[in-house]
Amino acid sequence: MIRNFKSLKIWQRSRVLVKTVYLVASSFPKEEKFGLISQLNRAAVSIPSNIAEGCGRGTIKSLSNFLDIAIGSACEVETQIYLASDLNFIDTKKMEFLTDEIGQIRRMIIGYQKTL
């Protein structure tokens, strides 16, 4: 194992994001259960999951690759939050809070990746 993912602030913070996303998505219309809710939850879960999986791999190159995937998932979540706002599932204040948090997590992942 390359790194202890549990000690990484990006992993810890992205877990909090997952919880927040799940709570926000639970207020979406029920007909979105297999649509936007499912997509959003899966993409959010993908962020800390890929950070952890990359840390469990044997090479820096592999870790960097999984961090790239986590960054992509963060972009996916951000897009879905904008869509939720466009569809009036969340208000502007919540959208701004979430997109700011996602942006900060994404920058943290990129910063970590640069240290490898």
C-alpha atoms as a PDB file:
ATOM      1  CA  MET A   1       0.000   0.000   0.000  1.00  0.00           C
ATOM      2  CA  ILE A   2       1.311   3.404  -0.978  1.00  0.00           C
ATOM      3  CA  ARG A   3      -0.549   5.599   1.492  1.00  0.00           C
ATOM      4  CA  ASN A   4      -2.937   5.308   4.398  1.00  0.00           C
ATOM      5  CA  PHE A   5      -6.014   6.796   2.758  1.00  0.00           C
ATOM      6  CA  LYS A   6      -7.810   7.203   6.103  1.00  0.00           C
ATOM      7  CA  SER A   7      -5.308   9.866   7.151  1.00  0.00           C
ATOM      8  CA  LEU A   8      -5.804  11.932   3.988  1.00  0.00           C
ATOM      9  CA  LYS A   9      -7.853  15.116   4.428  1.00  0.00           C
ATOM     10  CA  ILE A  10      -9.173  14.749   0.869  1.00  0.00           C
ATOM     11  CA  TRP A  11     -10.580  11.312   1.666  1.00  0.00           C
ATOM     12  CA  GLN A  12     -12.112  12.526   4.937  1.00  0.00           C
ATOM     13  CA  ARG A  13     -13.592  15.633   3.367  1.00  0.00           C
ATOM     14  CA  SER A  14     -14.968  13.747   0.380  1.00  0.00           C
ATOM     15  CA  ARG A  15     -16.736  11.334   2.758  1.00  0.00           C
ATOM     16  CA  VAL A  16     -18.488  14.308   4.337  1.00  0.00           C
ATOM     17  CA  LEU A  17     -19.433  15.449   0.835  1.00  0.00           C
ATOM     18  CA  VAL A  18     -21.006  12.048   0.143  1.00  0.00           C
ATOM     19  CA  LYS A  19     -23.177  12.345   3.243  1.00  0.00           C
ATOM     20  CA  THR A  20     -24.229  15.874   2.276  1.00  0.00           C
ATOM     21  CA  VAL A  21     -25.047  14.823  -1.285  1.00  0.00           C
ATOM     22  CA  TYR A  22     -27.140  11.882  -0.062  1.00  0.00           C
ATOM     23  CA  LEU A  23     -29.079  14.171   2.276  1.00  0.00           C
ATOM     24  CA  VAL A  24     -29.666  16.768  -0.436  1.00  0.00           C
ATOM     25  CA  ALA A  25     -30.650  14.170  -3.048  1.00  0.00           C
ATOM     26  CA  SER A  26     -33.145  12.587  -0.660  1.00  0.00           C
ATOM     27  CA  SER A  27     -35.305  15.702  -1.083  1.00  0.00           C
ATOM     28  CA  PHE A  28     -35.491  15.344  -4.884  1.00  0.00           C
ATOM     29  CA  PRO A  29     -38.758  14.160  -6.442  1.00  0.00           C
ATOM     30  CA  LYS A  30     -39.322  10.422  -6.031  1.00  0.00           C
ATOM     31  CA  GLU A  31     -39.465   9.903  -9.802  1.00  0.00           C
ATOM     32  CA  GLU A  32     -35.743  10.822  -9.864  1.00  0.00           C
ATOM     33  CA  LYS A  33     -34.853   7.793  -7.723  1.00  0.00           C
ATOM     34  CA  PHE A  34     -33.433   5.898 -10.705  1.00  0.00           C
ATOM     35  CA  GLY A  35     -32.330   9.022 -12.552  1.00  0.00           C
ATOM     36  CA  LEU A  36     -30.522  11.997 -11.100  1.00  0.00           C
ATOM     37  CA  ILE A  37     -30.563  10.745  -7.487  1.00  0.00           C
ATOM     38  CA  SER A  38     -28.875   7.476  -8.419  1.00  0.00           C
ATOM     39  CA  GLN A  39     -26.340   9.168 -10.740  1.00  0.00           C
ATOM     40  CA  LEU A  40     -25.495  11.842  -8.195  1.00  0.00           C
ATOM     41  CA  ASN A  41     -25.079   9.439  -5.286  1.00  0.00           C
ATOM     42  CA  ARG A  42     -22.913   7.030  -7.300  1.00  0.00           C
ATOM     43  CA  ALA A  43     -20.673   9.811  -8.595  1.00  0.00           C
ATOM     44  CA  ALA A  44     -20.239  11.236  -5.086  1.00  0.00           C
ATOM     45  CA  VAL A  45     -19.349   7.817  -3.648  1.00  0.00           C
ATOM     46  CA  SER A  46     -16.822   7.395  -6.439  1.00  0.00           C
ATOM     47  CA  ILE A  47     -14.663  10.271  -5.162  1.00  0.00           C
ATOM     48  CA  PRO A  48     -13.488   8.822  -1.805  1.00  0.00           C
ATOM     49  CA  SER A  49     -13.663   5.288  -3.217  1.00  0.00           C
ATOM     50  CA  ASN A  50     -11.171   6.056  -5.964  1.00  0.00           C
ATOM     51  CA  ILE A  51      -8.873   7.897  -3.583  1.00  0.00           C
ATOM     52  CA  ALA A  52      -8.864   4.831  -1.315  1.00  0.00           C
ATOM     53  CA  GLU A  53      -8.406   2.362  -4.152  1.00  0.00           C
ATOM     54  CA  GLY A  54      -5.517   4.350  -5.587  1.00  0.00           C
ATOM     55  CA  CYS A  55      -3.804   4.413  -2.200  1.00  0.00           C
ATOM     56  CA  GLY A  56      -4.132   0.649  -2.044  1.00  0.00           C
ATOM     57  CA  ARG A  57      -2.379   0.126  -5.361  1.00  0.00           C
ATOM     58  CA  GLY A  58       1.306  -0.621  -5.630  1.00  0.00           C
ATOM     59  CA  THR A  59       2.600   2.267  -7.692  1.00  0.00           C
ATOM     60  CA  ILE A  60       2.548   6.040  -7.759  1.00  0.00           C
ATOM     61  CA  LYS A  61       1.397   5.870 -11.386  1.00  0.00           C
ATOM     62  CA  SER A  62      -1.610   3.785 -10.387  1.00  0.00           C
ATOM     63  CA  LEU A  63      -2.443   6.127  -7.496  1.00  0.00           C
ATOM     64  CA  SER A  64      -2.254   9.109  -9.848  1.00  0.00           C
ATOM     65  CA  ASN A  65      -4.572   7.340 -12.270  1.00  0.00           C
ATOM     66  CA  PHE A  66      -7.195   6.745  -9.559  1.00  0.00           C
ATOM     67  CA  LEU A  67      -6.857  10.363  -8.435  1.00  0.00           C
ATOM     68  CA  ASP A  68      -7.641  11.370 -12.039  1.00  0.00           C
ATOM     69  CA  ILE A  69     -10.800   9.270 -11.835  1.00  0.00           C
ATOM     70  CA  ALA A  70     -11.730  10.931  -8.517  1.00  0.00           C
ATOM     71  CA  ILE A  71     -11.273  14.353 -10.149  1.00  0.00           C
ATOM     72  CA  GLY A  72     -13.532  13.269 -13.004  1.00  0.00           C
ATOM     73  CA  SER A  73     -16.151  12.088 -10.519  1.00  0.00           C
ATOM     74  CA  ALA A  74     -15.978  15.437  -8.724  1.00  0.00           C
ATOM     75  CA  CYS A  75     -16.656  17.189 -12.049  1.00  0.00           C
ATOM     76  CA  GLU A  76     -19.568  14.820 -12.648  1.00  0.00           C
ATOM     77  CA  VAL A  77     -21.055  15.612  -9.222  1.00  0.00           C
ATOM     78  CA  GLU A  78     -20.638  19.333  -9.823  1.00  0.00           C
ATOM     79  CA  THR A  79     -22.460  19.071 -13.162  1.00  0.00           C
ATOM     80  CA  GLN A  80     -25.291  17.104 -11.574  1.00  0.00           C
ATOM     81  CA  ILE A  81     -25.629  19.704  -8.821  1.00  0.00           C
ATOM     82  CA  TYR A  82     -25.973  22.405 -11.486  1.00  0.00           C
ATOM     83  CA  LEU A  83     -28.611  20.278 -13.232  1.00  0.00           C
ATOM     84  CA  ALA A  84     -30.477  19.808  -9.947  1.00  0.00           C
ATOM     85  CA  SER A  85     -30.489  23.594  -9.564  1.00  0.00           C
ATOM     86  CA  ASP A  86     -31.657  24.065 -13.162  1.00  0.00           C
ATOM     87  CA  LEU A  87     -34.551  21.688 -12.423  1.00  0.00           C
ATOM     88  CA  ASN A  88     -35.365  23.595  -9.197  1.00  0.00           C
ATOM     89  CA  PHE A  89     -34.602  20.548  -7.025  1.00  0.00           C
ATOM     90  CA  ILE A  90     -32.211  22.677  -4.924  1.00  0.00           C
ATOM     91  CA  ASP A  91     -32.002  26.391  -4.278  1.00  0.00           C
ATOM     92  CA  THR A  92     -29.166  28.655  -5.400  1.00  0.00           C
ATOM     93  CA  LYS A  93     -27.622  28.902  -1.940  1.00  0.00           C
ATOM     94  CA  LYS A  94     -27.320  25.112  -1.604  1.00  0.00           C
ATOM     95  CA  MET A  95     -26.005  24.818  -5.159  1.00  0.00           C
ATOM     96  CA  GLU A  96     -23.335  27.424  -4.474  1.00  0.00           C
ATOM     97  CA  PHE A  97     -22.314  25.760  -1.203  1.00  0.00           C
ATOM     98  CA  LEU A  98     -22.012  22.336  -2.832  1.00  0.00           C
ATOM     99  CA  THR A  99     -20.193  23.491  -5.957  1.00  0.00           C
ATOM    100  CA  ASP A 100     -17.742  25.463  -3.814  1.00  0.00           C
ATOM    101  CA  GLU A 101     -17.065  22.409  -1.636  1.00  0.00           C
ATOM    102  CA  ILE A 102     -16.626  20.181  -4.682  1.00  0.00           C
ATOM    103  CA  GLY A 103     -14.228  22.696  -6.202  1.00  0.00           C
ATOM    104  CA  GLN A 104     -12.163  22.790  -3.035  1.00  0.00           C
ATOM    105  CA  ILE A 105     -12.003  18.993  -2.871  1.00  0.00           C
ATOM    106  CA  ARG A 106     -11.016  18.829  -6.533  1.00  0.00           C
ATOM    107  CA  ARG A 107      -8.211  21.346  -5.957  1.00  0.00           C
ATOM    108  CA  MET A 108      -7.028  19.338  -2.940  1.00  0.00           C
ATOM    109  CA  ILE A 109      -6.882  16.157  -5.027  1.00  0.00           C
ATOM    110  CA  ILE A 110      -4.931  17.953  -7.757  1.00  0.00           C
ATOM    111  CA  GLY A 111      -2.553  19.365  -5.148  1.00  0.00           C
ATOM    112  CA  TYR A 112      -2.007  15.917  -3.654  1.00  0.00           C
ATOM    113  CA  GLN A 113      -1.441  14.479  -7.106  1.00  0.00           C
ATOM    114  CA  LYS A 114       1.274  17.069  -7.765  1.00  0.00           C
ATOM    115  CA  THR A 115       3.183  15.938  -4.670  1.00  0.00           C
ATOM    116  CA  LEU A 116       3.538  12.373  -5.965  1.00  0.00           C
END
